């Protein structure tokens, strides 16, 4: 057996973090797409 899984993203270690919380991630394609959605929103409303 060769284990080459990559990591588990432990968002639970910081309360409120992660794409299901209040921060974005670019660690996988699903998260990067969510970040792009958020980025488009702030392009409309700077901050």
ModelCIF file with pLDDT and N, C-alpha, C, O atoms, coordinates in Angstrom:
data_MODEL
#
_entry.id   MODEL 
#
_entity.id                         1 
_entity.type                       polymer 
_entity.pdbx_number_of_molecules   1 
#
_entity_poly.entity_id                      1 
_entity_poly.type                           'polypeptide(L)' 
_entity_poly.nstd_linkage                   no 
_entity_poly.nstd_monomer                   no 
_entity_poly.pdbx_seq_one_letter_code       
;(UNK)(UNK)(UNK)(UNK)(UNK)(UNK)(UNK)(UNK)(UNK)(UNK)(UNK)(UNK)(UNK)(UNK)(UNK)(UNK)
(UNK)(UNK)(UNK)(UNK)(UNK)(UNK)(UNK)(UNK)(UNK)(UNK)(UNK)(UNK)(UNK)(UNK)(UNK)(UNK)
(UNK)(UNK)(UNK)(UNK)(UNK)(UNK)(UNK)(UNK)(UNK)(UNK)(UNK)(UNK)(UNK)(UNK)(UNK)
;
_entity_poly.pdbx_seq_one_letter_code_can   XXXXXXXXXXXXXXXXXXXXXXXXXXXXXXXXXXXXXXXXXXXXXXX 
_entity_poly.pdbx_strand_id                 A 
#
loop_
_entity_poly_seq.entity_id 
_entity_poly_seq.num 
_entity_poly_seq.mon_id 
_entity_poly_seq.hetero 
1 1  UNK n 
1 2  UNK n 
1 3  UNK n 
1 4  UNK n 
1 5  UNK n 
1 6  UNK n 
1 7  UNK n 
1 8  UNK n 
1 9  UNK n 
1 10 UNK n 
1 11 UNK n 
1 12 UNK n 
1 13 UNK n 
1 14 UNK n 
1 15 UNK n 
1 16 UNK n 
1 17 UNK n 
1 18 UNK n 
1 19 UNK n 
1 20 UNK n 
1 21 UNK n 
1 22 UNK n 
1 23 UNK n 
1 24 UNK n 
1 25 UNK n 
1 26 UNK n 
1 27 UNK n 
1 28 UNK n 
1 29 UNK n 
1 30 UNK n 
1 31 UNK n 
1 32 UNK n 
1 33 UNK n 
1 34 UNK n 
1 35 UNK n 
1 36 UNK n 
1 37 UNK n 
1 38 UNK n 
1 39 UNK n 
1 40 UNK n 
1 41 UNK n 
1 42 UNK n 
1 43 UNK n 
1 44 UNK n 
1 45 UNK n 
1 46 UNK n 
1 47 UNK n 
#
_struct_asym.id          A 
_struct_asym.entity_id   1 
#
loop_
_ma_qa_metric.id 
_ma_qa_metric.mode 
_ma_qa_metric.name 
_ma_qa_metric.software_group_id 
_ma_qa_metric.type 
1 global pLDDT . pLDDT 
2 local  pLDDT . pLDDT 
#
_ma_qa_metric_global.metric_id      1 
_ma_qa_metric_global.metric_value   97.77 
_ma_qa_metric_global.model_id       1 
_ma_qa_metric_global.ordinal_id     1 
#
loop_
_ma_qa_metric_local.label_asym_id 
_ma_qa_metric_local.label_comp_id 
_ma_qa_metric_local.label_seq_id 
_ma_qa_metric_local.metric_id 
_ma_qa_metric_local.metric_value 
_ma_qa_metric_local.model_id 
_ma_qa_metric_local.ordinal_id 
A UNK 1  2 98.00 1 1  
A UNK 2  2 98.00 1 2  
A UNK 3  2 98.00 1 3  
A UNK 4  2 98.00 1 4  
A UNK 5  2 97.00 1 5  
A UNK 6  2 95.00 1 6  
A UNK 7  2 96.00 1 7  
A UNK 8  2 97.00 1 8  
A UNK 9  2 98.00 1 9  
A UNK 10 2 98.00 1 10 
A UNK 11 2 98.00 1 11 
A UNK 12 2 98.00 1 12 
A UNK 13 2 98.00 1 13 
A UNK 14 2 98.00 1 14 
A UNK 15 2 98.00 1 15 
A UNK 16 2 98.00 1 16 
A UNK 17 2 98.00 1 17 
A UNK 18 2 98.00 1 18 
A UNK 19 2 98.00 1 19 
A UNK 20 2 97.00 1 20 
A UNK 21 2 98.00 1 21 
A UNK 22 2 98.00 1 22 
A UNK 23 2 98.00 1 23 
A UNK 24 2 98.00 1 24 
A UNK 25 2 98.00 1 25 
A UNK 26 2 98.00 1 26 
A UNK 27 2 97.00 1 27 
A UNK 28 2 98.00 1 28 
A UNK 29 2 98.00 1 29 
A UNK 30 2 98.00 1 30 
A UNK 31 2 98.00 1 31 
A UNK 32 2 98.00 1 32 
A UNK 33 2 98.00 1 33 
A UNK 34 2 98.00 1 34 
A UNK 35 2 98.00 1 35 
A UNK 36 2 98.00 1 36 
A UNK 37 2 98.00 1 37 
A UNK 38 2 98.00 1 38 
A UNK 39 2 98.00 1 39 
A UNK 40 2 98.00 1 40 
A UNK 41 2 98.00 1 41 
A UNK 42 2 98.00 1 42 
A UNK 43 2 98.00 1 43 
A UNK 44 2 97.00 1 44 
A UNK 45 2 97.00 1 45 
A UNK 46 2 98.00 1 46 
A UNK 47 2 98.00 1 47 
#
loop_
_atom_site.group_PDB 
_atom_site.id 
_atom_site.type_symbol 
_atom_site.label_atom_id 
_atom_site.label_alt_id 
_atom_site.label_comp_id 
_atom_site.label_asym_id 
_atom_site.label_entity_id 
_atom_site.label_seq_id 
_atom_site.pdbx_PDB_ins_code 
_atom_site.Cartn_x 
_atom_site.Cartn_y 
_atom_site.Cartn_z 
_atom_site.occupancy 
_atom_site.B_iso_or_equiv 
_atom_site.pdbx_formal_charge 
_atom_site.auth_seq_id 
_atom_site.auth_comp_id 
_atom_site.auth_asym_id 
_atom_site.auth_atom_id 
_atom_site.pdbx_PDB_model_num 
ATOM 1   N N  . UNK A 1 1  ? 0.852   -1.190 0.000  1.00 98.00 ? 1  UNK A N  1 
ATOM 2   C CA . UNK A 1 1  ? 0.000   0.000  0.000  1.00 98.00 ? 1  UNK A CA 1 
ATOM 3   C C  . UNK A 1 1  ? 0.887   1.239  0.000  1.00 98.00 ? 1  UNK A C  1 
ATOM 4   O O  . UNK A 1 1  ? 1.815   1.352  0.801  1.00 98.00 ? 1  UNK A O  1 
ATOM 5   N N  . UNK A 1 2  ? 0.590   2.168  -0.909 1.00 98.00 ? 2  UNK A N  1 
ATOM 6   C CA . UNK A 1 2  ? 1.268   3.462  -0.949 1.00 98.00 ? 2  UNK A CA 1 
ATOM 7   C C  . UNK A 1 2  ? 0.246   4.533  -0.580 1.00 98.00 ? 2  UNK A C  1 
ATOM 8   O O  . UNK A 1 2  ? -0.744  4.720  -1.286 1.00 98.00 ? 2  UNK A O  1 
ATOM 9   N N  . UNK A 1 3  ? 0.484   5.228  0.513  1.00 98.00 ? 3  UNK A N  1 
ATOM 10  C CA . UNK A 1 3  ? -0.427  6.277  0.971  1.00 98.00 ? 3  UNK A CA 1 
ATOM 11  C C  . UNK A 1 3  ? 0.063   7.611  0.440  1.00 98.00 ? 3  UNK A C  1 
ATOM 12  O O  . UNK A 1 3  ? 1.139   8.082  0.809  1.00 98.00 ? 3  UNK A O  1 
ATOM 13  N N  . UNK A 1 4  ? -0.740  8.220  -0.433 1.00 98.00 ? 4  UNK A N  1 
ATOM 14  C CA . UNK A 1 4  ? -0.397  9.509  -1.040 1.00 98.00 ? 4  UNK A CA 1 
ATOM 15  C C  . UNK A 1 4  ? -1.653  10.383 -1.072 1.00 98.00 ? 4  UNK A C  1 
ATOM 16  O O  . UNK A 1 4  ? -1.996  10.967 -2.100 1.00 98.00 ? 4  UNK A O  1 
ATOM 17  N N  . UNK A 1 5  ? -2.316  10.459 0.052  1.00 97.00 ? 5  UNK A N  1 
ATOM 18  C CA . UNK A 1 5  ? -3.629  11.099 0.134  1.00 97.00 ? 5  UNK A CA 1 
ATOM 19  C C  . UNK A 1 5  ? -3.581  12.618 0.142  1.00 97.00 ? 5  UNK A C  1 
ATOM 20  O O  . UNK A 1 5  ? -4.593  13.272 -0.111 1.00 97.00 ? 5  UNK A O  1 
ATOM 21  N N  . UNK A 1 6  ? -2.406  13.190 0.431  1.00 95.00 ? 6  UNK A N  1 
ATOM 22  C CA . UNK A 1 6  ? -2.414  14.605 0.748  1.00 95.00 ? 6  UNK A CA 1 
ATOM 23  C C  . UNK A 1 6  ? -2.973  14.817 2.143  1.00 95.00 ? 6  UNK A C  1 
ATOM 24  O O  . UNK A 1 6  ? -3.173  13.842 2.867  1.00 95.00 ? 6  UNK A O  1 
ATOM 25  N N  . UNK A 1 7  ? -3.233  16.058 2.550  1.00 96.00 ? 7  UNK A N  1 
ATOM 26  C CA . UNK A 1 7  ? -3.679  16.318 3.914  1.00 96.00 ? 7  UNK A CA 1 
ATOM 27  C C  . UNK A 1 7  ? -5.189  16.397 4.047  1.00 96.00 ? 7  UNK A C  1 
ATOM 28  O O  . UNK A 1 7  ? -5.913  16.513 3.058  1.00 96.00 ? 7  UNK A O  1 
ATOM 29  N N  . UNK A 1 8  ? -5.644  16.332 5.272  1.00 97.00 ? 8  UNK A N  1 
ATOM 30  C CA . UNK A 1 8  ? -6.995  16.757 5.614  1.00 97.00 ? 8  UNK A CA 1 
ATOM 31  C C  . UNK A 1 8  ? -6.914  18.206 6.060  1.00 97.00 ? 8  UNK A C  1 
ATOM 32  O O  . UNK A 1 8  ? -6.036  18.567 6.844  1.00 97.00 ? 8  UNK A O  1 
ATOM 33  N N  . UNK A 1 9  ? -7.811  19.027 5.572  1.00 98.00 ? 9  UNK A N  1 
ATOM 34  C CA . UNK A 1 9  ? -7.818  20.446 5.908  1.00 98.00 ? 9  UNK A CA 1 
ATOM 35  C C  . UNK A 1 9  ? -8.578  20.632 7.217  1.00 98.00 ? 9  UNK A C  1 
ATOM 36  O O  . UNK A 1 9  ? -9.800  20.486 7.262  1.00 98.00 ? 9  UNK A O  1 
ATOM 37  N N  . UNK A 1 10 ? -7.852  20.953 8.267  1.00 98.00 ? 10 UNK A N  1 
ATOM 38  C CA . UNK A 1 10 ? -8.423  20.963 9.619  1.00 98.00 ? 10 UNK A CA 1 
ATOM 39  C C  . UNK A 1 10 ? -8.989  22.338 9.977  1.00 98.00 ? 10 UNK A C  1 
ATOM 40  O O  . UNK A 1 10 ? -8.483  23.005 10.880 1.00 98.00 ? 10 UNK A O  1 
ATOM 41  N N  . UNK A 1 11 ? -10.020 22.752 9.279  1.00 98.00 ? 11 UNK A N  1 
ATOM 42  C CA . UNK A 1 11 ? -10.649 24.044 9.561  1.00 98.00 ? 11 UNK A CA 1 
ATOM 43  C C  . UNK A 1 11 ? -11.220 24.104 10.973 1.00 98.00 ? 11 UNK A C  1 
ATOM 44  O O  . UNK A 1 11 ? -11.343 25.182 11.555 1.00 98.00 ? 11 UNK A O  1 
ATOM 45  N N  . UNK A 1 12 ? -11.569 22.943 11.520 1.00 98.00 ? 12 UNK A N  1 
ATOM 46  C CA . UNK A 1 12 ? -12.190 22.919 12.839 1.00 98.00 ? 12 UNK A CA 1 
ATOM 47  C C  . UNK A 1 12 ? -11.249 23.432 13.940 1.00 98.00 ? 12 UNK A C  1 
ATOM 48  O O  . UNK A 1 12 ? -11.705 23.745 15.040 1.00 98.00 ? 12 UNK A O  1 
ATOM 49  N N  . UNK A 1 13 ? -9.954  23.519 13.657 1.00 98.00 ? 13 UNK A N  1 
ATOM 50  C CA . UNK A 1 13 ? -9.022  23.974 14.687 1.00 98.00 ? 13 UNK A CA 1 
ATOM 51  C C  . UNK A 1 13 ? -9.101  25.473 14.939 1.00 98.00 ? 13 UNK A C  1 
ATOM 52  O O  . UNK A 1 13 ? -8.610  25.954 15.960 1.00 98.00 ? 13 UNK A O  1 
ATOM 53  N N  . UNK A 1 14 ? -9.709  26.211 14.027 1.00 98.00 ? 14 UNK A N  1 
ATOM 54  C CA . UNK A 1 14 ? -9.952  27.643 14.244 1.00 98.00 ? 14 UNK A CA 1 
ATOM 55  C C  . UNK A 1 14 ? -11.439 27.896 14.018 1.00 98.00 ? 14 UNK A C  1 
ATOM 56  O O  . UNK A 1 14 ? -11.928 27.804 12.893 1.00 98.00 ? 14 UNK A O  1 
ATOM 57  N N  . UNK A 1 15 ? -12.137 28.209 15.072 1.00 98.00 ? 15 UNK A N  1 
ATOM 58  C CA . UNK A 1 15 ? -13.579 28.422 15.006 1.00 98.00 ? 15 UNK A CA 1 
ATOM 59  C C  . UNK A 1 15 ? -13.943 29.481 13.957 1.00 98.00 ? 15 UNK A C  1 
ATOM 60  O O  . UNK A 1 15 ? -13.372 30.570 13.921 1.00 98.00 ? 15 UNK A O  1 
ATOM 61  N N  . UNK A 1 16 ? -14.907 29.126 13.110 1.00 98.00 ? 16 UNK A N  1 
ATOM 62  C CA . UNK A 1 16 ? -15.412 30.068 12.120 1.00 98.00 ? 16 UNK A CA 1 
ATOM 63  C C  . UNK A 1 16 ? -14.623 30.138 10.834 1.00 98.00 ? 16 UNK A C  1 
ATOM 64  O O  . UNK A 1 16 ? -14.939 30.943 9.958  1.00 98.00 ? 16 UNK A O  1 
ATOM 65  N N  . UNK A 1 17 ? -13.592 29.301 10.701 1.00 98.00 ? 17 UNK A N  1 
ATOM 66  C CA . UNK A 1 17 ? -12.770 29.350 9.497  1.00 98.00 ? 17 UNK A CA 1 
ATOM 67  C C  . UNK A 1 17 ? -13.264 28.371 8.450  1.00 98.00 ? 17 UNK A C  1 
ATOM 68  O O  . UNK A 1 17 ? -14.046 27.467 8.743  1.00 98.00 ? 17 UNK A O  1 
ATOM 69  N N  . UNK A 1 18 ? -12.795 28.564 7.222  1.00 98.00 ? 18 UNK A N  1 
ATOM 70  C CA . UNK A 1 18 ? -13.097 27.666 6.128  1.00 98.00 ? 18 UNK A CA 1 
ATOM 71  C C  . UNK A 1 18 ? -14.244 28.124 5.259  1.00 98.00 ? 18 UNK A C  1 
ATOM 72  O O  . UNK A 1 18 ? -15.001 29.015 5.644  1.00 98.00 ? 18 UNK A O  1 
ATOM 73  N N  . UNK A 1 19 ? -14.381 27.519 4.083  1.00 98.00 ? 19 UNK A N  1 
ATOM 74  C CA . UNK A 1 19 ? -15.449 27.899 3.145  1.00 98.00 ? 19 UNK A CA 1 
ATOM 75  C C  . UNK A 1 19 ? -16.853 27.739 3.696  1.00 98.00 ? 19 UNK A C  1 
ATOM 76  O O  . UNK A 1 19 ? -17.781 28.394 3.222  1.00 98.00 ? 19 UNK A O  1 
ATOM 77  N N  . UNK A 1 20 ? -17.025 26.871 4.698  1.00 97.00 ? 20 UNK A N  1 
ATOM 78  C CA . UNK A 1 20 ? -18.330 26.745 5.357  1.00 97.00 ? 20 UNK A CA 1 
ATOM 79  C C  . UNK A 1 20 ? -18.467 27.730 6.515  1.00 97.00 ? 20 UNK A C  1 
ATOM 80  O O  . UNK A 1 20 ? -19.513 27.804 7.159  1.00 97.00 ? 20 UNK A O  1 
ATOM 81  N N  . UNK A 1 21 ? -17.400 28.483 6.770  1.00 98.00 ? 21 UNK A N  1 
ATOM 82  C CA . UNK A 1 21 ? -17.415 29.527 7.782  1.00 98.00 ? 21 UNK A CA 1 
ATOM 83  C C  . UNK A 1 21 ? -17.258 30.885 7.119  1.00 98.00 ? 21 UNK A C  1 
ATOM 84  O O  . UNK A 1 21 ? -18.068 31.282 6.281  1.00 98.00 ? 21 UNK A O  1 
ATOM 85  N N  . UNK A 1 22 ? -16.186 31.601 7.514  1.00 98.00 ? 22 UNK A N  1 
ATOM 86  C CA . UNK A 1 22 ? -16.039 32.975 7.066  1.00 98.00 ? 22 UNK A CA 1 
ATOM 87  C C  . UNK A 1 22 ? -14.741 33.243 6.304  1.00 98.00 ? 22 UNK A C  1 
ATOM 88  O O  . UNK A 1 22 ? -14.464 34.388 5.948  1.00 98.00 ? 22 UNK A O  1 
ATOM 89  N N  . UNK A 1 23 ? -13.942 32.203 6.048  1.00 98.00 ? 23 UNK A N  1 
ATOM 90  C CA . UNK A 1 23 ? -12.716 32.395 5.282  1.00 98.00 ? 23 UNK A CA 1 
ATOM 91  C C  . UNK A 1 23 ? -12.715 31.506 4.044  1.00 98.00 ? 23 UNK A C  1 
ATOM 92  O O  . UNK A 1 23 ? -13.400 30.485 3.989  1.00 98.00 ? 23 UNK A O  1 
ATOM 93  N N  . UNK A 1 24 ? -11.939 31.914 3.066  1.00 98.00 ? 24 UNK A N  1 
ATOM 94  C CA . UNK A 1 24 ? -11.790 31.150 1.845  1.00 98.00 ? 24 UNK A CA 1 
ATOM 95  C C  . UNK A 1 24 ? -10.531 30.283 1.912  1.00 98.00 ? 24 UNK A C  1 
ATOM 96  O O  . UNK A 1 24 ? -9.682  30.452 2.786  1.00 98.00 ? 24 UNK A O  1 
ATOM 97  N N  . UNK A 1 25 ? -10.440 29.357 0.966  1.00 98.00 ? 25 UNK A N  1 
ATOM 98  C CA . UNK A 1 25 ? -9.296  28.459 0.847  1.00 98.00 ? 25 UNK A CA 1 
ATOM 99  C C  . UNK A 1 25 ? -8.981  28.264 -0.629 1.00 98.00 ? 25 UNK A C  1 
ATOM 100 O O  . UNK A 1 25 ? -9.865  28.379 -1.478 1.00 98.00 ? 25 UNK A O  1 
ATOM 101 N N  . UNK A 1 26 ? -7.730  27.970 -0.931 1.00 98.00 ? 26 UNK A N  1 
ATOM 102 C CA . UNK A 1 26 ? -7.345  27.628 -2.307 1.00 98.00 ? 26 UNK A CA 1 
ATOM 103 C C  . UNK A 1 26 ? -6.662  26.269 -2.340 1.00 98.00 ? 26 UNK A C  1 
ATOM 104 O O  . UNK A 1 26 ? -5.859  25.992 -3.231 1.00 98.00 ? 26 UNK A O  1 
ATOM 105 N N  . UNK A 1 27 ? -6.985  25.420 -1.364 1.00 97.00 ? 27 UNK A N  1 
ATOM 106 C CA . UNK A 1 27 ? -6.313  24.132 -1.231 1.00 97.00 ? 27 UNK A CA 1 
ATOM 107 C C  . UNK A 1 27 ? -6.842  23.069 -2.184 1.00 97.00 ? 27 UNK A C  1 
ATOM 108 O O  . UNK A 1 27 ? -6.147  22.088 -2.451 1.00 97.00 ? 27 UNK A O  1 
ATOM 109 N N  . UNK A 1 28 ? -8.047  23.239 -2.701 1.00 98.00 ? 28 UNK A N  1 
ATOM 110 C CA . UNK A 1 28 ? -8.539  22.344 -3.737 1.00 98.00 ? 28 UNK A CA 1 
ATOM 111 C C  . UNK A 1 28 ? -9.399  23.136 -4.705 1.00 98.00 ? 28 UNK A C  1 
ATOM 112 O O  . UNK A 1 28 ? -9.708  24.301 -4.454 1.00 98.00 ? 28 UNK A O  1 
ATOM 113 N N  . UNK A 1 29 ? -9.784  22.520 -5.799 1.00 98.00 ? 29 UNK A N  1 
ATOM 114 C CA . UNK A 1 29 ? -10.484 23.233 -6.864 1.00 98.00 ? 29 UNK A CA 1 
ATOM 115 C C  . UNK A 1 29 ? -11.859 23.716 -6.401 1.00 98.00 ? 29 UNK A C  1 
ATOM 116 O O  . UNK A 1 29 ? -12.284 24.805 -6.787 1.00 98.00 ? 29 UNK A O  1 
ATOM 117 N N  . UNK A 1 30 ? -12.563 22.929 -5.581 1.00 98.00 ? 30 UNK A N  1 
ATOM 118 C CA . UNK A 1 30 ? -13.871 23.358 -5.093 1.00 98.00 ? 30 UNK A CA 1 
ATOM 119 C C  . UNK A 1 30 ? -13.748 24.633 -4.264 1.00 98.00 ? 30 UNK A C  1 
ATOM 120 O O  . UNK A 1 30 ? -14.538 25.565 -4.415 1.00 98.00 ? 30 UNK A O  1 
ATOM 121 N N  . UNK A 1 31 ? -12.755 24.661 -3.393 1.00 98.00 ? 31 UNK A N  1 
ATOM 122 C CA . UNK A 1 31 ? -12.545 25.836 -2.559 1.00 98.00 ? 31 UNK A CA 1 
ATOM 123 C C  . UNK A 1 31 ? -12.108 27.039 -3.390 1.00 98.00 ? 31 UNK A C  1 
ATOM 124 O O  . UNK A 1 31 ? -12.538 28.164 -3.136 1.00 98.00 ? 31 UNK A O  1 
ATOM 125 N N  . UNK A 1 32 ? -11.263 26.801 -4.373 1.00 98.00 ? 32 UNK A N  1 
ATOM 126 C CA . UNK A 1 32 ? -10.805 27.901 -5.230 1.00 98.00 ? 32 UNK A CA 1 
ATOM 127 C C  . UNK A 1 32 ? -11.963 28.520 -5.999 1.00 98.00 ? 32 UNK A C  1 
ATOM 128 O O  . UNK A 1 32 ? -12.008 29.736 -6.188 1.00 98.00 ? 32 UNK A O  1 
ATOM 129 N N  . UNK A 1 33 ? -12.903 27.682 -6.444 1.00 98.00 ? 33 UNK A N  1 
ATOM 130 C CA . UNK A 1 33 ? -14.081 28.211 -7.139 1.00 98.00 ? 33 UNK A CA 1 
ATOM 131 C C  . UNK A 1 33 ? -14.943 29.045 -6.192 1.00 98.00 ? 33 UNK A C  1 
ATOM 132 O O  . UNK A 1 33 ? -15.478 30.080 -6.590 1.00 98.00 ? 33 UNK A O  1 
ATOM 133 N N  . UNK A 1 34 ? -15.079 28.598 -4.941 1.00 98.00 ? 34 UNK A N  1 
ATOM 134 C CA . UNK A 1 34 ? -15.815 29.391 -3.954 1.00 98.00 ? 34 UNK A CA 1 
ATOM 135 C C  . UNK A 1 34 ? -15.123 30.734 -3.702 1.00 98.00 ? 34 UNK A C  1 
ATOM 136 O O  . UNK A 1 34 ? -15.778 31.765 -3.552 1.00 98.00 ? 34 UNK A O  1 
ATOM 137 N N  . UNK A 1 35 ? -13.783 30.701 -3.658 1.00 98.00 ? 35 UNK A N  1 
ATOM 138 C CA . UNK A 1 35 ? -13.028 31.936 -3.466 1.00 98.00 ? 35 UNK A CA 1 
ATOM 139 C C  . UNK A 1 35 ? -13.252 32.895 -4.632 1.00 98.00 ? 35 UNK A C  1 
ATOM 140 O O  . UNK A 1 35 ? -13.354 34.106 -4.437 1.00 98.00 ? 35 UNK A O  1 
ATOM 141 N N  . UNK A 1 36 ? -13.328 32.346 -5.846 1.00 98.00 ? 36 UNK A N  1 
ATOM 142 C CA . UNK A 1 36 ? -13.583 33.167 -7.020 1.00 98.00 ? 36 UNK A CA 1 
ATOM 143 C C  . UNK A 1 36 ? -14.976 33.807 -6.926 1.00 98.00 ? 36 UNK A C  1 
ATOM 144 O O  . UNK A 1 36 ? -15.143 34.968 -7.298 1.00 98.00 ? 36 UNK A O  1 
ATOM 145 N N  . UNK A 1 37 ? -15.956 33.077 -6.442 1.00 98.00 ? 37 UNK A N  1 
ATOM 146 C CA . UNK A 1 37 ? -17.289 33.646 -6.247 1.00 98.00 ? 37 UNK A CA 1 
ATOM 147 C C  . UNK A 1 37 ? -17.236 34.825 -5.283 1.00 98.00 ? 37 UNK A C  1 
ATOM 148 O O  . UNK A 1 37 ? -17.832 35.873 -5.533 1.00 98.00 ? 37 UNK A O  1 
ATOM 149 N N  . UNK A 1 38 ? -16.517 34.642 -4.179 1.00 98.00 ? 38 UNK A N  1 
ATOM 150 C CA . UNK A 1 38 ? -16.402 35.718 -3.204 1.00 98.00 ? 38 UNK A CA 1 
ATOM 151 C C  . UNK A 1 38 ? -15.623 36.914 -3.755 1.00 98.00 ? 38 UNK A C  1 
ATOM 152 O O  . UNK A 1 38 ? -15.964 38.069 -3.503 1.00 98.00 ? 38 UNK A O  1 
ATOM 153 N N  . UNK A 1 39 ? -14.569 36.604 -4.512 1.00 98.00 ? 39 UNK A N  1 
ATOM 154 C CA . UNK A 1 39 ? -13.757 37.665 -5.106 1.00 98.00 ? 39 UNK A CA 1 
ATOM 155 C C  . UNK A 1 39 ? -14.586 38.530 -6.052 1.00 98.00 ? 39 UNK A C  1 
ATOM 156 O O  . UNK A 1 39 ? -14.445 39.753 -6.062 1.00 98.00 ? 39 UNK A O  1 
ATOM 157 N N  . UNK A 1 40 ? -15.441 37.906 -6.838 1.00 98.00 ? 40 UNK A N  1 
ATOM 158 C CA . UNK A 1 40 ? -16.300 38.671 -7.736 1.00 98.00 ? 40 UNK A CA 1 
ATOM 159 C C  . UNK A 1 40 ? -17.224 39.606 -6.965 1.00 98.00 ? 40 UNK A C  1 
ATOM 160 O O  . UNK A 1 40 ? -17.533 40.706 -7.424 1.00 98.00 ? 40 UNK A O  1 
ATOM 161 N N  . UNK A 1 41 ? -17.663 39.160 -5.789 1.00 98.00 ? 41 UNK A N  1 
ATOM 162 C CA . UNK A 1 41 ? -18.527 40.007 -4.966 1.00 98.00 ? 41 UNK A CA 1 
ATOM 163 C C  . UNK A 1 41 ? -17.794 41.249 -4.473 1.00 98.00 ? 41 UNK A C  1 
ATOM 164 O O  . UNK A 1 41 ? -18.351 42.347 -4.493 1.00 98.00 ? 41 UNK A O  1 
ATOM 165 N N  . UNK A 1 42 ? -16.546 41.081 -4.031 1.00 98.00 ? 42 UNK A N  1 
ATOM 166 C CA . UNK A 1 42 ? -15.844 42.256 -3.520 1.00 98.00 ? 42 UNK A CA 1 
ATOM 167 C C  . UNK A 1 42 ? -15.355 43.161 -4.643 1.00 98.00 ? 42 UNK A C  1 
ATOM 168 O O  . UNK A 1 42 ? -15.036 44.326 -4.402 1.00 98.00 ? 42 UNK A O  1 
ATOM 169 N N  . UNK A 1 43 ? -15.291 42.640 -5.868 1.00 98.00 ? 43 UNK A N  1 
ATOM 170 C CA . UNK A 1 43 ? -14.995 43.523 -6.993 1.00 98.00 ? 43 UNK A CA 1 
ATOM 171 C C  . UNK A 1 43 ? -16.115 44.539 -7.190 1.00 98.00 ? 43 UNK A C  1 
ATOM 172 O O  . UNK A 1 43 ? -15.890 45.651 -7.666 1.00 98.00 ? 43 UNK A O  1 
ATOM 173 N N  . UNK A 1 44 ? -17.307 44.139 -6.821 1.00 97.00 ? 44 UNK A N  1 
ATOM 174 C CA . UNK A 1 44 ? -18.450 45.036 -6.922 1.00 97.00 ? 44 UNK A CA 1 
ATOM 175 C C  . UNK A 1 44 ? -18.528 45.993 -5.742 1.00 97.00 ? 44 UNK A C  1 
ATOM 176 O O  . UNK A 1 44 ? -19.039 47.107 -5.863 1.00 97.00 ? 44 UNK A O  1 
ATOM 177 N N  . UNK A 1 45 ? -18.015 45.546 -4.597 1.00 97.00 ? 45 UNK A N  1 
ATOM 178 C CA . UNK A 1 45 ? -18.083 46.362 -3.388 1.00 97.00 ? 45 UNK A CA 1 
ATOM 179 C C  . UNK A 1 45 ? -16.726 46.289 -2.692 1.00 97.00 ? 45 UNK A C  1 
ATOM 180 O O  . UNK A 1 45 ? -16.495 45.360 -1.918 1.00 97.00 ? 45 UNK A O  1 
ATOM 181 N N  . UNK A 1 46 ? -15.815 47.242 -2.940 1.00 98.00 ? 46 UNK A N  1 
ATOM 182 C CA . UNK A 1 46 ? -14.457 47.190 -2.407 1.00 98.00 ? 46 UNK A CA 1 
ATOM 183 C C  . UNK A 1 46 ? -14.403 47.179 -0.885 1.00 98.00 ? 46 UNK A C  1 
ATOM 184 O O  . UNK A 1 46 ? -15.278 47.718 -0.208 1.00 98.00 ? 46 UNK A O  1 
ATOM 185 N N  . UNK A 1 47 ? -13.352 46.552 -0.366 1.00 98.00 ? 47 UNK A N  1 
ATOM 186 C CA . UNK A 1 47 ? -13.121 46.498 1.060  1.00 98.00 ? 47 UNK A CA 1 
ATOM 187 C C  . UNK A 1 47 ? -11.803 45.815 1.363  1.00 98.00 ? 47 UNK A C  1 
ATOM 188 O O  . UNK A 1 47 ? -11.433 45.676 2.529  1.00 98.00 ? 47 UNK A O  1 
#
